[in-house]
């Protein structure tokens, strides 16, 4: 079964923040390439969404997959869709990131 992938407002904000940071430190081309790869990783959840690591300590049903050792994609797999709730850089404090409640529908 193929699942539809939806990115929450918080996940979209995370992607923008990561891209903006990379554009500053590494240039627009690097940022654009990384952003495309990170979005492709999110979309890869259309098939086998339950492959990620359970992360129920942050939210019931939450799972995660790593991306290039630099970010982690957090999501909830539902019957026919996957909701990407956060995309968090490896250096961020996960507890603090999940205190932001924008990702809870």
PDB file of N, CA and C in Angstrom:
ATOM      1  N   UNK A   1       0.838  -1.184   0.000  1.00  0.00           N
ATOM      2  CA  UNK A   1       0.000   0.000   0.000  1.00  0.00           C
ATOM      3  C   UNK A   1       0.883   1.247   0.000  1.00  0.00           C
ATOM      4  N   UNK A   2       0.535   2.191  -0.810  1.00  0.00           N
ATOM      5  CA  UNK A   2       1.261   3.451  -0.880  1.00  0.00           C
ATOM      6  C   UNK A   2       0.536   4.472  -0.011  1.00  0.00           C
ATOM      7  N   UNK A   3       1.289   5.117   0.863  1.00  0.00           N
ATOM      8  CA  UNK A   3       0.743   6.126   1.764  1.00  0.00           C
ATOM      9  C   UNK A   3       1.002   7.530   1.214  1.00  0.00           C
ATOM     10  N   UNK A   4       0.105   8.420   1.481  1.00  0.00           N
ATOM     11  CA  UNK A   4       0.299   9.827   1.138  1.00  0.00           C
ATOM     12  C   UNK A   4       1.144  10.467   2.240  1.00  0.00           C
ATOM     13  N   UNK A   5       2.101  11.313   1.876  1.00  0.00           N
ATOM     14  CA  UNK A   5       2.954  11.989   2.850  1.00  0.00           C
ATOM     15  C   UNK A   5       2.506  13.436   2.995  1.00  0.00           C
ATOM     16  N   UNK A   6       2.287  13.850   4.227  1.00  0.00           N
ATOM     17  CA  UNK A   6       1.886  15.213   4.552  1.00  0.00           C
ATOM     18  C   UNK A   6       2.925  15.792   5.503  1.00  0.00           C
ATOM     19  N   UNK A   7       3.366  17.001   5.256  1.00  0.00           N
ATOM     20  CA  UNK A   7       4.306  17.683   6.140  1.00  0.00           C
ATOM     21  C   UNK A   7       3.553  18.737   6.943  1.00  0.00           C
ATOM     22  N   UNK A   8       3.724  18.713   8.256  1.00  0.00           N
ATOM     23  CA  UNK A   8       3.072  19.699   9.108  1.00  0.00           C
ATOM     24  C   UNK A   8       3.758  21.057   8.958  1.00  0.00           C
ATOM     25  N   UNK A   9       3.124  22.075   9.492  1.00  0.00           N
ATOM     26  CA  UNK A   9       3.706  23.423   9.493  1.00  0.00           C
ATOM     27  C   UNK A   9       5.065  23.420  10.184  1.00  0.00           C
ATOM     28  N   UNK A  10       5.171  22.689  11.289  1.00  0.00           N
ATOM     29  CA  UNK A  10       6.441  22.623  12.020  1.00  0.00           C
ATOM     30  C   UNK A  10       7.527  21.958  11.177  1.00  0.00           C
ATOM     31  N   UNK A  11       7.184  20.899  10.458  1.00  0.00           N
ATOM     32  CA  UNK A  11       8.165  20.216   9.609  1.00  0.00           C
ATOM     33  C   UNK A  11       8.614  21.134   8.471  1.00  0.00           C
ATOM     34  N   UNK A  12       7.683  21.847   7.871  1.00  0.00           N
ATOM     35  CA  UNK A  12       8.040  22.790   6.809  1.00  0.00           C
ATOM     36  C   UNK A  12       8.939  23.901   7.339  1.00  0.00           C
ATOM     37  N   UNK A  13       8.640  24.391   8.544  1.00  0.00           N
ATOM     38  CA  UNK A  13       9.497  25.400   9.177  1.00  0.00           C
ATOM     39  C   UNK A  13      10.898  24.849   9.422  1.00  0.00           C
ATOM     40  N   UNK A  14      10.968  23.588   9.857  1.00  0.00           N
ATOM     41  CA  UNK A  14      12.269  22.948  10.092  1.00  0.00           C
ATOM     42  C   UNK A  14      13.073  22.881   8.794  1.00  0.00           C
ATOM     43  N   UNK A  15      12.430  22.468   7.709  1.00  0.00           N
ATOM     44  CA  UNK A  15      13.114  22.370   6.420  1.00  0.00           C
ATOM     45  C   UNK A  15      13.625  23.734   5.971  1.00  0.00           C
ATOM     46  N   UNK A  16      12.818  24.756   6.149  1.00  0.00           N
ATOM     47  CA  UNK A  16      13.236  26.107   5.780  1.00  0.00           C
ATOM     48  C   UNK A  16      14.427  26.560   6.611  1.00  0.00           C
ATOM     49  N   UNK A  17      14.387  26.305   7.909  1.00  0.00           N
ATOM     50  CA  UNK A  17      15.489  26.698   8.793  1.00  0.00           C
ATOM     51  C   UNK A  17      16.791  26.008   8.409  1.00  0.00           C
ATOM     52  N   UNK A  18      16.712  24.729   8.128  1.00  0.00           N
ATOM     53  CA  UNK A  18      17.905  23.971   7.735  1.00  0.00           C
ATOM     54  C   UNK A  18      18.455  24.508   6.420  1.00  0.00           C
ATOM     55  N   UNK A  19      17.575  24.741   5.466  1.00  0.00           N
ATOM     56  CA  UNK A  19      17.995  25.253   4.161  1.00  0.00           C
ATOM     57  C   UNK A  19      18.605  26.651   4.277  1.00  0.00           C
ATOM     58  N   UNK A  20      17.988  27.509   5.063  1.00  0.00           N
ATOM     59  CA  UNK A  20      18.515  28.863   5.255  1.00  0.00           C
ATOM     60  C   UNK A  20      19.901  28.830   5.880  1.00  0.00           C
ATOM     61  N   UNK A  21      20.067  27.976   6.877  1.00  0.00           N
ATOM     62  CA  UNK A  21      21.370  27.862   7.538  1.00  0.00           C
ATOM     63  C   UNK A  21      22.438  27.384   6.541  1.00  0.00           C
ATOM     64  N   UNK A  22      22.115  26.341   5.794  1.00  0.00           N
ATOM     65  CA  UNK A  22      23.080  25.823   4.823  1.00  0.00           C
ATOM     66  C   UNK A  22      23.421  26.846   3.746  1.00  0.00           C
ATOM     67  N   UNK A  23      22.446  27.613   3.327  1.00  0.00           N
ATOM     68  CA  UNK A  23      22.706  28.641   2.316  1.00  0.00           C
ATOM     69  C   UNK A  23      23.718  29.660   2.838  1.00  0.00           C
ATOM     70  N   UNK A  24      23.614  29.991   4.122  1.00  0.00           N
ATOM     71  CA  UNK A  24      24.556  30.942   4.731  1.00  0.00           C
ATOM     72  C   UNK A  24      25.960  30.380   4.840  1.00  0.00           C
ATOM     73  N   UNK A  25      26.082  29.134   5.277  1.00  0.00           N
ATOM     74  CA  UNK A  25      27.414  28.581   5.563  1.00  0.00           C
ATOM     75  C   UNK A  25      28.042  27.837   4.392  1.00  0.00           C
ATOM     76  N   UNK A  26      27.219  27.328   3.470  1.00  0.00           N
ATOM     77  CA  UNK A  26      27.772  26.506   2.393  1.00  0.00           C
ATOM     78  C   UNK A  26      27.381  26.975   0.993  1.00  0.00           C
ATOM     79  N   UNK A  27      26.440  27.904   0.913  1.00  0.00           N
ATOM     80  CA  UNK A  27      26.028  28.410  -0.392  1.00  0.00           C
ATOM     81  C   UNK A  27      24.670  27.877  -0.835  1.00  0.00           C
ATOM     82  N   UNK A  28      24.082  28.605  -1.758  1.00  0.00           N
ATOM     83  CA  UNK A  28      22.746  28.278  -2.253  1.00  0.00           C
ATOM     84  C   UNK A  28      22.676  26.911  -2.937  1.00  0.00           C
ATOM     85  N   UNK A  29      23.688  26.565  -3.719  1.00  0.00           N
ATOM     86  CA  UNK A  29      23.665  25.285  -4.438  1.00  0.00           C
ATOM     87  C   UNK A  29      23.674  24.104  -3.481  1.00  0.00           C
ATOM     88  N   UNK A  30      24.510  24.173  -2.462  1.00  0.00           N
ATOM     89  CA  UNK A  30      24.575  23.092  -1.467  1.00  0.00           C
ATOM     90  C   UNK A  30      23.249  23.004  -0.718  1.00  0.00           C
ATOM     91  N   UNK A  31      22.714  24.154  -0.340  1.00  0.00           N
ATOM     92  CA  UNK A  31      21.439  24.176   0.384  1.00  0.00           C
ATOM     93  C   UNK A  31      20.311  23.580  -0.458  1.00  0.00           C
ATOM     94  N   UNK A  32      20.260  23.941  -1.728  1.00  0.00           N
ATOM     95  CA  UNK A  32      19.201  23.431  -2.616  1.00  0.00           C
ATOM     96  C   UNK A  32      19.310  21.917  -2.795  1.00  0.00           C
ATOM     97  N   UNK A  33      20.526  21.417  -2.971  1.00  0.00           N
ATOM     98  CA  UNK A  33      20.729  19.976  -3.141  1.00  0.00           C
ATOM     99  C   UNK A  33      20.348  19.219  -1.874  1.00  0.00           C
ATOM    100  N   UNK A  34      20.771  19.734  -0.728  1.00  0.00           N
ATOM    101  CA  UNK A  34      20.463  19.080   0.546  1.00  0.00           C
ATOM    102  C   UNK A  34      18.957  19.085   0.791  1.00  0.00           C
ATOM    103  N   UNK A  35      18.321  20.224   0.507  1.00  0.00           N
ATOM    104  CA  UNK A  35      16.876  20.343   0.689  1.00  0.00           C
ATOM    105  C   UNK A  35      16.142  19.319  -0.179  1.00  0.00           C
ATOM    106  N   UNK A  36      16.561  19.171  -1.420  1.00  0.00           N
ATOM    107  CA  UNK A  36      15.924  18.201  -2.318  1.00  0.00           C
ATOM    108  C   UNK A  36      16.091  16.774  -1.804  1.00  0.00           C
ATOM    109  N   UNK A  37      17.279  16.451  -1.312  1.00  0.00           N
ATOM    110  CA  UNK A  37      17.536  15.109  -0.783  1.00  0.00           C
ATOM    111  C   UNK A  37      16.727  14.853   0.489  1.00  0.00           C
ATOM    112  N   UNK A  38      16.623  15.861   1.328  1.00  0.00           N
ATOM    113  CA  UNK A  38      15.873  15.714   2.580  1.00  0.00           C
ATOM    114  C   UNK A  38      14.381  15.545   2.292  1.00  0.00           C
ATOM    115  N   UNK A  39      13.860  16.305   1.354  1.00  0.00           N
ATOM    116  CA  UNK A  39      12.444  16.155   0.973  1.00  0.00           C
ATOM    117  C   UNK A  39      12.201  14.789   0.337  1.00  0.00           C
ATOM    118  N   UNK A  40      13.140  14.308  -0.471  1.00  0.00           N
ATOM    119  CA  UNK A  40      13.012  12.971  -1.061  1.00  0.00           C
ATOM    120  C   UNK A  40      12.986  11.900   0.026  1.00  0.00           C
ATOM    121  N   UNK A  41      13.779  12.088   1.069  1.00  0.00           N
ATOM    122  CA  UNK A  41      13.771  11.136   2.190  1.00  0.00           C
ATOM    123  C   UNK A  41      12.405  11.132   2.880  1.00  0.00           C
ATOM    124  N   UNK A  42      11.805  12.308   3.025  1.00  0.00           N
ATOM    125  CA  UNK A  42      10.458  12.381   3.608  1.00  0.00           C
ATOM    126  C   UNK A  42       9.460  11.637   2.724  1.00  0.00           C
ATOM    127  N   UNK A  43       9.551  11.857   1.414  1.00  0.00           N
ATOM    128  CA  UNK A  43       8.629  11.209   0.481  1.00  0.00           C
ATOM    129  C   UNK A  43       8.858   9.707   0.376  1.00  0.00           C
ATOM    130  N   UNK A  44      10.055   9.241   0.765  1.00  0.00           N
ATOM    131  CA  UNK A  44      10.326   7.800   0.728  1.00  0.00           C
ATOM    132  C   UNK A  44       9.453   7.035   1.719  1.00  0.00           C
ATOM    133  N   UNK A  45       8.808   7.754   2.610  1.00  0.00           N
ATOM    134  CA  UNK A  45       7.935   7.110   3.596  1.00  0.00           C
ATOM    135  C   UNK A  45       6.612   6.648   2.994  1.00  0.00           C
ATOM    136  N   UNK A  46       6.395   6.908   1.706  1.00  0.00           N
ATOM    137  CA  UNK A  46       5.160   6.451   1.065  1.00  0.00           C
ATOM    138  C   UNK A  46       5.047   4.931   1.104  1.00  0.00           C
ATOM    139  N   UNK A  47       6.181   4.257   1.073  1.00  0.00           N
ATOM    140  CA  UNK A  47       6.201   2.797   1.168  1.00  0.00           C
ATOM    141  C   UNK A  47       6.966   2.389   2.425  1.00  0.00           C
ATOM    142  N   UNK A  48       6.481   1.432   3.126  1.00  0.00           N
ATOM    143  CA  UNK A  48       7.087   0.908   4.353  1.00  0.00           C
ATOM    144  C   UNK A  48       7.288   1.982   5.427  1.00  0.00           C
ATOM    145  N   UNK A  49       6.241   2.718   5.774  1.00  0.00           N
ATOM    146  CA  UNK A  49       6.404   3.798   6.740  1.00  0.00           C
ATOM    147  C   UNK A  49       6.712   3.316   8.163  1.00  0.00           C
ATOM    148  N   UNK A  50       6.426   2.078   8.467  1.00  0.00           N
ATOM    149  CA  UNK A  50       6.681   1.591   9.823  1.00  0.00           C
ATOM    150  C   UNK A  50       8.116   1.129  10.037  1.00  0.00           C
ATOM    151  N   UNK A  51       8.996   1.415   9.081  1.00  0.00           N
ATOM    152  CA  UNK A  51      10.386   0.977   9.198  1.00  0.00           C
ATOM    153  C   UNK A  51      11.166   1.790  10.232  1.00  0.00           C
ATOM    154  N   UNK A  52      10.682   2.949  10.585  1.00  0.00           N
ATOM    155  CA  UNK A  52      11.414   3.829  11.494  1.00  0.00           C
ATOM    156  C   UNK A  52      11.414   3.348  12.935  1.00  0.00           C
ATOM    157  N   UNK A  53      12.269   3.964  13.692  1.00  0.00           N
ATOM    158  CA  UNK A  53      12.422   3.666  15.121  1.00  0.00           C
ATOM    159  C   UNK A  53      11.259   4.280  15.911  1.00  0.00           C
ATOM    160  N   UNK A  54      10.609   3.509  16.784  1.00  0.00           N
ATOM    161  CA  UNK A  54       9.548   4.075  17.625  1.00  0.00           C
ATOM    162  C   UNK A  54      10.109   5.164  18.546  1.00  0.00           C
ATOM    163  N   UNK A  55       9.397   6.295  18.633  1.00  0.00           N
ATOM    164  CA  UNK A  55       9.828   7.421  19.474  1.00  0.00           C
ATOM    165  C   UNK A  55       8.670   7.909  20.335  1.00  0.00           C
ATOM    166  N   UNK A  56       7.965   6.964  20.953  1.00  0.00           N
ATOM    167  CA  UNK A  56       6.799   7.274  21.771  1.00  0.00           C
ATOM    168  C   UNK A  56       7.066   8.166  22.965  1.00  0.00           C
ATOM    169  N   UNK A  57       8.324   8.331  23.348  1.00  0.00           N
ATOM    170  CA  UNK A  57       8.626   9.209  24.479  1.00  0.00           C
ATOM    171  C   UNK A  57       8.318  10.670  24.156  1.00  0.00           C
ATOM    172  N   UNK A  58       8.225  11.007  22.880  1.00  0.00           N
ATOM    173  CA  UNK A  58       7.916  12.376  22.478  1.00  0.00           C
ATOM    174  C   UNK A  58       6.441  12.564  22.138  1.00  0.00           C
ATOM    175  N   UNK A  59       5.839  11.528  21.574  1.00  0.00           N
ATOM    176  CA  UNK A  59       4.438  11.583  21.159  1.00  0.00           C
ATOM    177  C   UNK A  59       3.984  10.165  20.842  1.00  0.00           C
ATOM    178  N   UNK A  60       2.783   9.765  21.261  1.00  0.00           N
ATOM    179  CA  UNK A  60       2.306   8.413  20.942  1.00  0.00           C
ATOM    180  C   UNK A  60       2.287   8.177  19.431  1.00  0.00           C
ATOM    181  N   UNK A  61       2.807   7.023  19.016  1.00  0.00           N
ATOM    182  CA  UNK A  61       2.803   6.646  17.616  1.00  0.00           C
ATOM    183  C   UNK A  61       3.913   7.254  16.784  1.00  0.00           C
ATOM    184  N   UNK A  62       4.747   8.079  17.395  1.00  0.00           N
ATOM    185  CA  UNK A  62       5.811   8.754  16.649  1.00  0.00           C
ATOM    186  C   UNK A  62       6.926   7.770  16.314  1.00  0.00           C
ATOM    187  N   UNK A  63       7.465   7.913  15.108  1.00  0.00           N
ATOM    188  CA  UNK A  63       8.589   7.114  14.638  1.00  0.00           C
ATOM    189  C   UNK A  63       9.610   8.063  14.039  1.00  0.00           C
ATOM    190  N   UNK A  64      10.823   7.568  13.805  1.00  0.00           N
ATOM    191  CA  UNK A  64      11.836   8.424  13.174  1.00  0.00           C
ATOM    192  C   UNK A  64      12.752   7.614  12.278  1.00  0.00           C
ATOM    193  N   UNK A  65      13.277   8.310  11.269  1.00  0.00           N
ATOM    194  CA  UNK A  65      14.331   7.759  10.418  1.00  0.00           C
ATOM    195  C   UNK A  65      15.446   8.802  10.350  1.00  0.00           C
ATOM    196  N   UNK A  66      16.691   8.345  10.350  1.00  0.00           N
ATOM    197  CA  UNK A  66      17.794   9.304  10.232  1.00  0.00           C
ATOM    198  C   UNK A  66      17.981   9.718   8.780  1.00  0.00           C
ATOM    199  N   UNK A  67      18.580  10.894   8.611  1.00  0.00           N
ATOM    200  CA  UNK A  67      18.941  11.356   7.286  1.00  0.00           C
ATOM    201  C   UNK A  67      20.388  11.822   7.308  1.00  0.00           C
ATOM    202  N   UNK A  68      21.252  11.110   6.615  1.00  0.00           N
ATOM    203  CA  UNK A  68      22.657  11.491   6.414  1.00  0.00           C
ATOM    204  C   UNK A  68      23.377  11.871   7.710  1.00  0.00           C
ATOM    205  N   UNK A  69      22.994  11.283   8.812  1.00  0.00           N
ATOM    206  CA  UNK A  69      23.601  11.553  10.123  1.00  0.00           C
ATOM    207  C   UNK A  69      23.503  13.005  10.573  1.00  0.00           C
ATOM    208  N   UNK A  70      22.797  13.831   9.819  1.00  0.00           N
ATOM    209  CA  UNK A  70      22.717  15.254  10.143  1.00  0.00           C
ATOM    210  C   UNK A  70      21.319  15.709  10.532  1.00  0.00           C
ATOM    211  N   UNK A  71      20.335  14.890  10.267  1.00  0.00           N
ATOM    212  CA  UNK A  71      18.960  15.257  10.602  1.00  0.00           C
ATOM    213  C   UNK A  71      18.171  13.989  10.879  1.00  0.00           C
ATOM    214  N   UNK A  72      17.056  14.161  11.562  1.00  0.00           N
ATOM    215  CA  UNK A  72      16.157  13.054  11.833  1.00  0.00           C
ATOM    216  C   UNK A  72      14.754  13.481  11.426  1.00  0.00           C
ATOM    217  N   UNK A  73      14.092  12.613  10.697  1.00  0.00           N
ATOM    218  CA  UNK A  73      12.728  12.856  10.249  1.00  0.00           C
ATOM    219  C   UNK A  73      11.794  12.133  11.219  1.00  0.00           C
ATOM    220  N   UNK A  74      10.906  12.891  11.851  1.00  0.00           N
ATOM    221  CA  UNK A  74       9.949  12.336  12.810  1.00  0.00           C
ATOM    222  C   UNK A  74       8.571  12.334  12.166  1.00  0.00           C
ATOM    223  N   UNK A  75       7.852  11.218  12.297  1.00  0.00           N
ATOM    224  CA  UNK A  75       6.569  11.087  11.603  1.00  0.00           C
ATOM    225  C   UNK A  75       5.646  10.122  12.332  1.00  0.00           C
ATOM    226  N   UNK A  76       4.372  10.200  11.951  1.00  0.00           N
ATOM    227  CA  UNK A  76       3.351   9.276  12.444  1.00  0.00           C
ATOM    228  C   UNK A  76       2.743   8.595  11.226  1.00  0.00           C
ATOM    229  N   UNK A  77       2.772   7.268  11.228  1.00  0.00           N
ATOM    230  CA  UNK A  77       2.170   6.495  10.135  1.00  0.00           C
ATOM    231  C   UNK A  77       0.729   6.179  10.509  1.00  0.00           C
ATOM    232  N   UNK A  78      -0.172   6.546   9.631  1.00  0.00           N
ATOM    233  CA  UNK A  78      -1.589   6.284   9.840  1.00  0.00           C
ATOM    234  C   UNK A  78      -2.069   5.315   8.767  1.00  0.00           C
ATOM    235  N   UNK A  79      -3.355   5.040   8.737  1.00  0.00           N
ATOM    236  CA  UNK A  79      -3.900   4.020   7.837  1.00  0.00           C
ATOM    237  C   UNK A  79      -3.467   4.217   6.382  1.00  0.00           C
ATOM    238  N   UNK A  80      -3.643   5.413   5.844  1.00  0.00           N
ATOM    239  CA  UNK A  80      -3.327   5.642   4.438  1.00  0.00           C
ATOM    240  C   UNK A  80      -2.446   6.864   4.210  1.00  0.00           C
ATOM    241  N   UNK A  81      -1.900   7.410   5.288  1.00  0.00           N
ATOM    242  CA  UNK A  81      -1.020   8.564   5.142  1.00  0.00           C
ATOM    243  C   UNK A  81       0.076   8.567   6.199  1.00  0.00           C
ATOM    244  N   UNK A  82       1.109   9.321   5.904  1.00  0.00           N
ATOM    245  CA  UNK A  82       2.218   9.520   6.828  1.00  0.00           C
ATOM    246  C   UNK A  82       2.302  11.017   7.072  1.00  0.00           C
ATOM    247  N   UNK A  83       2.274  11.385   8.337  1.00  0.00           N
ATOM    248  CA  UNK A  83       2.365  12.797   8.695  1.00  0.00           C
ATOM    249  C   UNK A  83       3.768  13.061   9.254  1.00  0.00           C
ATOM    250  N   UNK A  84       4.565  13.818   8.489  1.00  0.00           N
ATOM    251  CA  UNK A  84       5.893  14.213   8.948  1.00  0.00           C
ATOM    252  C   UNK A  84       5.680  15.386   9.892  1.00  0.00           C
ATOM    253  N   UNK A  85       6.042  15.198  11.174  1.00  0.00           N
ATOM    254  CA  UNK A  85       5.757  16.234  12.165  1.00  0.00           C
ATOM    255  C   UNK A  85       6.943  17.146  12.460  1.00  0.00           C
ATOM    256  N   UNK A  86       8.159  16.639  12.311  1.00  0.00           N
ATOM    257  CA  UNK A  86       9.360  17.456  12.526  1.00  0.00           C
ATOM    258  C   UNK A  86      10.500  16.894  11.688  1.00  0.00           C
ATOM    259  N   UNK A  87      11.427  17.768  11.319  1.00  0.00           N
ATOM    260  CA  UNK A  87      12.683  17.384  10.687  1.00  0.00           C
ATOM    261  C   UNK A  87      13.741  18.141  11.481  1.00  0.00           C
ATOM    262  N   UNK A  88      14.458  17.421  12.329  1.00  0.00           N
ATOM    263  CA  UNK A  88      15.300  18.078  13.321  1.00  0.00           C
ATOM    264  C   UNK A  88      16.774  17.800  13.056  1.00  0.00           C
ATOM    265  N   UNK A  89      17.543  18.870  13.024  1.00  0.00           N
ATOM    266  CA  UNK A  89      18.990  18.774  12.838  1.00  0.00           C
ATOM    267  C   UNK A  89      19.597  18.027  14.019  1.00  0.00           C
ATOM    268  N   UNK A  90      20.643  17.290  13.765  1.00  0.00           N
ATOM    269  CA  UNK A  90      21.274  16.433  14.780  1.00  0.00           C
ATOM    270  C   UNK A  90      21.773  17.199  15.999  1.00  0.00           C
ATOM    271  N   UNK A  91      22.082  18.474  15.862  1.00  0.00           N
ATOM    272  CA  UNK A  91      22.602  19.246  16.992  1.00  0.00           C
ATOM    273  C   UNK A  91      21.515  19.895  17.847  1.00  0.00           C
ATOM    274  N   UNK A  92      20.273  19.779  17.429  1.00  0.00           N
ATOM    275  CA  UNK A  92      19.185  20.372  18.216  1.00  0.00           C
ATOM    276  C   UNK A  92      18.831  19.498  19.394  1.00  0.00           C
ATOM    277  N   UNK A  93      18.325  20.110  20.426  1.00  0.00           N
ATOM    278  CA  UNK A  93      17.838  19.426  21.622  1.00  0.00           C
ATOM    279  C   UNK A  93      16.452  18.862  21.292  1.00  0.00           C
ATOM    280  N   UNK A  94      16.331  17.534  21.240  1.00  0.00           N
ATOM    281  CA  UNK A  94      15.065  16.911  20.858  1.00  0.00           C
ATOM    282  C   UNK A  94      13.944  17.217  21.840  1.00  0.00           C
ATOM    283  N   UNK A  95      14.241  17.193  23.131  1.00  0.00           N
ATOM    284  CA  UNK A  95      13.208  17.474  24.131  1.00  0.00           C
ATOM    285  C   UNK A  95      12.649  18.875  23.917  1.00  0.00           C
ATOM    286  N   UNK A  96      13.524  19.846  23.737  1.00  0.00           N
ATOM    287  CA  UNK A  96      13.072  21.225  23.508  1.00  0.00           C
ATOM    288  C   UNK A  96      12.284  21.327  22.202  1.00  0.00           C
ATOM    289  N   UNK A  97      12.718  20.631  21.181  1.00  0.00           N
ATOM    290  CA  UNK A  97      12.024  20.685  19.892  1.00  0.00           C
ATOM    291  C   UNK A  97      10.598  20.164  20.016  1.00  0.00           C
ATOM    292  N   UNK A  98      10.394  19.139  20.820  1.00  0.00           N
ATOM    293  CA  UNK A  98       9.058  18.572  20.948  1.00  0.00           C
ATOM    294  C   UNK A  98       8.207  19.260  22.009  1.00  0.00           C
ATOM    295  N   UNK A  99       8.741  20.240  22.681  1.00  0.00           N
ATOM    296  CA  UNK A  99       7.914  21.072  23.563  1.00  0.00           C
ATOM    297  C   UNK A  99       7.058  22.026  22.749  1.00  0.00           C
ATOM    298  N   UNK A 100       7.457  22.275  21.508  1.00  0.00           N
ATOM    299  CA  UNK A 100       6.686  23.082  20.575  1.00  0.00           C
ATOM    300  C   UNK A 100       5.501  22.226  20.126  1.00  0.00           C
ATOM    301  N   UNK A 101       4.303  22.647  20.405  1.00  0.00           N
ATOM    302  CA  UNK A 101       3.119  21.823  20.150  1.00  0.00           C
ATOM    303  C   UNK A 101       2.485  22.056  18.781  1.00  0.00           C
ATOM    304  N   UNK A 102       3.155  22.787  17.872  1.00  0.00           N
ATOM    305  CA  UNK A 102       2.574  23.044  16.549  1.00  0.00           C
ATOM    306  C   UNK A 102       2.394  21.765  15.746  1.00  0.00           C
ATOM    307  N   UNK A 103       3.120  20.708  16.086  1.00  0.00           N
ATOM    308  CA  UNK A 103       3.055  19.486  15.281  1.00  0.00           C
ATOM    309  C   UNK A 103       1.900  18.577  15.672  1.00  0.00           C
ATOM    310  N   UNK A 104       1.146  18.937  16.703  1.00  0.00           N
ATOM    311  CA  UNK A 104       0.051  18.083  17.144  1.00  0.00           C
ATOM    312  C   UNK A 104      -1.252  18.596  16.531  1.00  0.00           C
ATOM    313  N   UNK A 105      -1.883  17.747  15.729  1.00  0.00           N
ATOM    314  CA  UNK A 105      -3.118  18.186  15.047  1.00  0.00           C
ATOM    315  C   UNK A 105      -4.254  18.465  16.034  1.00  0.00           C
TER     316      UNK A 105
END
